[in-house]
Amino acid sequence: MRVLVVEDERGVARALRRGLLAEGFAVDVALDGRRGLDLAASGEFDAVLVDIMLPGLNGYDLVTRLRALEVWTPVLILSAKDGEYDIADGLDVGADDYLTKPFSFVELVARVRALVRRGAQARPAVLTVGELTLDPATRVVTQRGYEVATTAREFALLEYFMRRPGHVVSKSELRDHVWDAVGDDLNIVEVYVGYLRRKLGQRVIETVRGAGYRMVVPPT
């Protein structure tokens, strides 16, 4: 099992390499983001451990570019940043797991072994409806070739529609699958459908009176 460690602090990198070697892994080390990307892009590793704060190319950008190259090697981000938004950002760019510093080496090894067992999972295919595309891996939405900025909730709602083009989806179904614990309030669905319409055009999602909404499939 071959692991790549991308860590600019030499002492930390040496400690990780020494510990992983003792656990039976073959270990390569990169001390900056660009070198790390070059090595990871080869696809020759079973797992990649990436620090966020790296010279040349930060960890988030490294993972984003790696996934854009369609290299799906499992990635574990290591970072002193432990905020929930930092963790969410790491997972959103395509990392498979996130571990905050300082961490238990026993836990690190357990997580690396879990990633190796899982293997390089093929990411979801790009969804396309007419001139609209949505990439679940990179979280990029484009329309007629131009990128459309969406919030995390708008993206989730649009993805739900695009996985069911031409099908009527009720407000309660959208609420249950896209939102958590909203109760009986369906107004939030109407609000976010409105946001998508303003960004994508009024005709992309149509209202089906008394039933819900439907993503329009343009004629071929």
Protein backbone atom coordinates (compact mmCIF):
# COMPACT_ATOMS: atom_id res chain seq x y z
CA MET A 1 0.00 0.00 0.00
CA ARG A 2 1.52 3.28 -1.15
CA VAL A 3 0.73 6.59 0.51
CA LEU A 4 1.66 10.13 -0.46
CA VAL A 5 2.14 12.69 2.32
CA VAL A 6 1.97 16.36 1.25
CA GLU A 7 3.21 18.37 4.24
CA ASP A 8 5.54 21.37 4.29
CA GLU A 9 6.63 21.10 7.93
CA ARG A 10 9.64 18.82 7.63
CA GLY A 11 9.42 17.54 11.21
CA VAL A 12 5.77 16.58 10.80
CA ALA A 13 6.45 15.03 7.39
CA ARG A 14 9.30 12.94 8.80
CA ALA A 15 7.19 11.77 11.76
CA LEU A 16 4.30 10.78 9.47
CA ARG A 17 6.62 8.95 7.11
CA ARG A 18 8.36 7.09 9.94
CA GLY A 19 5.09 6.08 11.58
CA LEU A 20 3.41 4.96 8.36
CA LEU A 21 6.48 2.96 7.33
CA ALA A 22 6.30 1.16 10.67
CA GLU A 23 2.67 0.28 9.87
CA GLY A 24 3.68 -1.35 6.60
CA PHE A 25 2.95 1.47 4.13
CA ALA A 26 5.27 2.60 1.37
CA VAL A 27 5.50 6.39 1.78
CA ASP A 28 6.44 9.25 -0.55
CA VAL A 29 6.66 12.84 0.73
CA ALA A 30 6.11 16.18 -1.04
CA LEU A 31 7.00 19.40 0.78
CA ASP A 32 4.89 21.79 -1.32
CA GLY A 33 1.54 21.76 -3.06
CA ARG A 34 2.73 21.80 -6.66
CA ARG A 35 5.07 18.85 -6.16
CA GLY A 36 2.29 17.09 -4.29
CA LEU A 37 -0.11 17.59 -7.19
CA ASP A 38 2.45 16.31 -9.69
CA LEU A 39 2.97 13.12 -7.68
CA ALA A 40 -0.70 12.58 -6.83
CA ALA A 41 -1.72 13.08 -10.47
CA SER A 42 0.21 9.95 -11.40
CA GLY A 43 -2.56 7.89 -9.81
CA GLU A 44 0.04 5.50 -8.37
CA PHE A 45 -0.99 5.95 -4.72
CA ASP A 46 -3.58 4.15 -2.61
CA ALA A 47 -4.20 7.27 -0.48
CA VAL A 48 -3.00 10.88 -0.26
CA LEU A 49 -2.59 12.86 2.98
CA VAL A 50 -2.70 16.62 2.37
CA ASP A 51 -2.09 19.57 4.67
CA ILE A 52 -4.14 22.70 3.87
CA MET A 53 -1.51 25.41 4.40
CA LEU A 54 1.09 24.57 1.76
CA PRO A 55 3.52 26.73 -0.23
CA GLY A 56 2.92 26.99 -3.96
CA LEU A 57 -0.56 25.50 -3.93
CA ASN A 58 -2.81 25.10 -0.91
CA GLY A 59 -4.46 21.81 -0.02
CA TYR A 60 -7.93 22.86 -1.17
CA ASP A 61 -6.64 23.83 -4.62
CA LEU A 62 -4.53 20.68 -4.83
CA VAL A 63 -7.57 18.46 -4.27
CA THR A 64 -9.72 20.53 -6.64
CA ARG A 65 -7.16 20.21 -9.44
CA LEU A 66 -6.63 16.52 -8.73
CA ARG A 67 -10.35 15.82 -9.11
CA ALA A 68 -10.49 17.98 -12.24
CA LEU A 69 -7.88 15.61 -13.69
CA GLU A 70 -10.28 12.76 -12.84
CA VAL A 71 -7.85 11.21 -10.37
CA TRP A 72 -10.03 9.68 -7.66
CA THR A 73 -7.37 8.46 -5.22
CA PRO A 74 -8.81 8.78 -1.68
CA VAL A 75 -7.65 12.00 0.02
CA LEU A 76 -7.39 12.67 3.75
CA ILE A 77 -6.95 16.35 4.64
CA LEU A 78 -4.84 17.11 7.71
CA SER A 79 -5.28 20.59 9.15
CA ALA A 80 -5.12 22.68 12.30
CA LYS A 81 -8.32 24.35 11.09
CA ASP A 82 -11.14 22.65 12.97
CA GLY A 83 -14.15 24.86 12.20
CA GLU A 84 -17.20 23.19 10.70
CA TYR A 85 -16.93 25.38 7.60
CA ASP A 86 -13.28 24.41 7.14
CA ILE A 87 -14.23 20.74 7.26
CA ALA A 88 -17.15 21.31 4.89
CA ASP A 89 -14.88 23.17 2.46
CA GLY A 90 -12.43 20.28 2.46
CA LEU A 91 -15.10 17.72 1.71
CA ASP A 92 -16.79 19.94 -0.87
CA VAL A 93 -13.65 20.23 -3.01
CA GLY A 94 -13.43 16.45 -3.23
CA ALA A 95 -11.55 15.17 -0.19
CA ASP A 96 -12.79 11.90 1.32
CA ASP A 97 -11.99 12.58 4.97
CA TYR A 98 -10.72 15.36 7.25
CA LEU A 99 -8.61 15.05 10.41
CA THR A 100 -7.72 18.02 12.62
CA LYS A 101 -4.33 18.57 14.22
CA PRO A 102 -3.19 17.51 16.75
CA PHE A 103 -4.46 14.00 16.12
CA SER A 104 -3.90 10.52 17.45
CA PHE A 105 -1.58 8.56 15.20
CA VAL A 106 -3.67 5.46 15.91
CA GLU A 107 -6.73 7.27 14.55
CA LEU A 108 -4.76 8.50 11.54
CA VAL A 109 -3.67 4.97 10.62
CA ALA A 110 -7.23 3.67 11.08
CA ARG A 111 -8.59 6.33 8.74
CA VAL A 112 -5.91 5.72 6.13
CA ARG A 113 -6.60 1.98 6.19
CA ALA A 114 -10.33 2.67 5.80
CA LEU A 115 -9.65 4.88 2.76
CA VAL A 116 -7.37 2.27 1.21
CA ARG A 117 -10.02 -0.43 1.70
CA ARG A 118 -12.59 1.80 0.06
CA GLY A 119 -10.31 2.41 -2.91
CA ALA A 120 -10.64 5.03 -5.62
CA GLN A 121 -14.39 5.36 -6.03
CA ALA A 122 -15.62 6.63 -9.38
CA ARG A 123 -17.23 10.03 -8.86
CA PRO A 124 -20.76 10.80 -10.07
CA ALA A 125 -21.08 11.58 -13.76
CA VAL A 126 -21.78 15.12 -14.85
CA LEU A 127 -25.54 15.74 -15.06
CA THR A 128 -26.82 17.44 -18.21
CA VAL A 129 -30.28 18.79 -19.02
CA GLY A 130 -30.39 20.85 -22.18
CA GLU A 131 -27.73 23.56 -21.95
CA LEU A 132 -27.41 23.14 -18.19
CA THR A 133 -24.71 20.96 -16.60
CA LEU A 134 -23.96 20.11 -12.99
CA ASP A 135 -20.82 18.31 -11.82
CA PRO A 136 -21.33 16.67 -8.39
CA ALA A 137 -17.58 16.06 -8.03
CA THR A 138 -16.37 19.64 -8.58
CA ARG A 139 -19.69 21.26 -7.57
CA VAL A 140 -19.66 23.43 -10.70
CA VAL A 141 -22.84 24.46 -12.54
CA THR A 142 -22.66 25.78 -16.10
CA GLN A 143 -25.31 27.08 -18.49
CA ARG A 144 -24.52 27.53 -22.17
CA GLY A 145 -20.85 27.10 -21.27
CA TYR A 146 -20.77 29.79 -18.58
CA GLU A 147 -20.32 28.98 -14.90
CA VAL A 148 -23.25 29.83 -12.64
CA ALA A 149 -22.47 30.58 -8.99
CA THR A 150 -24.74 28.73 -6.56
CA THR A 151 -24.91 28.44 -2.81
CA ALA A 152 -24.64 25.00 -1.22
CA ARG A 153 -28.43 24.81 -0.79
CA GLU A 154 -29.16 26.00 -4.31
CA PHE A 155 -26.72 23.41 -5.65
CA ALA A 156 -28.38 20.62 -3.66
CA LEU A 157 -31.84 21.65 -4.87
CA LEU A 158 -30.74 21.89 -8.49
CA GLU A 159 -29.01 18.51 -8.30
CA TYR A 160 -32.23 16.93 -7.00
CA PHE A 161 -34.16 18.36 -9.94
CA MET A 162 -31.51 17.36 -12.49
CA ARG A 163 -31.56 13.76 -11.33
CA ARG A 164 -35.30 13.71 -12.10
CA PRO A 165 -35.69 15.76 -15.32
CA GLY A 166 -39.25 15.87 -16.61
CA HIS A 167 -40.68 14.40 -13.41
CA VAL A 168 -43.02 16.26 -11.09
CA VAL A 169 -41.48 16.71 -7.63
CA SER A 170 -43.64 17.84 -4.73
CA LYS A 171 -42.65 20.60 -2.33
CA SER A 172 -42.71 18.18 0.59
CA GLU A 173 -40.37 15.78 -1.25
CA LEU A 174 -37.94 18.61 -1.94
CA ARG A 175 -38.13 19.77 1.66
CA ASP A 176 -37.50 16.28 3.02
CA HIS A 177 -34.53 15.55 0.75
CA VAL A 178 -32.81 18.94 0.52
CA TRP A 179 -33.52 20.46 3.94
CA ASP A 180 -33.25 19.02 7.43
CA ALA A 181 -35.87 19.59 10.14
CA VAL A 182 -37.78 22.40 8.43
CA GLY A 183 -41.07 21.17 9.87
CA ASP A 184 -44.25 21.90 7.94
CA ASP A 185 -42.96 25.10 6.36
CA LEU A 186 -42.89 24.67 2.57
CA ASN A 187 -42.25 28.35 1.87
CA ILE A 188 -38.49 27.76 1.98
CA VAL A 189 -38.84 25.55 -1.10
CA GLU A 190 -40.65 28.30 -3.01
CA VAL A 191 -37.98 30.81 -2.00
CA TYR A 192 -35.10 28.68 -3.28
CA VAL A 193 -36.86 27.70 -6.48
CA GLY A 194 -37.19 31.45 -7.01
CA TYR A 195 -33.46 31.89 -6.46
CA LEU A 196 -32.69 29.24 -9.09
CA ARG A 197 -35.10 30.78 -11.58
CA ARG A 198 -33.45 34.18 -11.22
CA LYS A 199 -30.05 32.63 -11.94
CA LEU A 200 -31.04 30.10 -14.62
CA GLY A 201 -34.16 31.60 -16.20
CA GLN A 202 -37.85 31.31 -15.45
CA ARG A 203 -38.44 28.43 -17.87
CA VAL A 204 -35.91 25.97 -16.42
CA ILE A 205 -38.18 24.89 -13.55
CA GLU A 206 -41.92 25.06 -14.09
CA THR A 207 -44.69 25.04 -11.52
CA VAL A 208 -47.21 22.20 -11.76
CA ARG A 209 -50.25 23.56 -9.96
CA GLY A 210 -51.37 21.46 -7.03
CA ALA A 211 -48.47 19.03 -7.48
CA GLY A 212 -45.10 20.78 -7.21
CA TYR A 213 -42.34 21.55 -9.70
CA ARG A 214 -40.78 19.96 -12.76
CA MET A 215 -37.43 20.53 -14.46
CA VAL A 216 -38.17 21.20 -18.09
CA VAL A 217 -36.42 18.95 -20.61
CA PRO A 218 -35.82 20.93 -23.83
CA PRO A 219 -36.82 19.15 -27.05
CA THR A 220 -33.94 17.49 -28.87
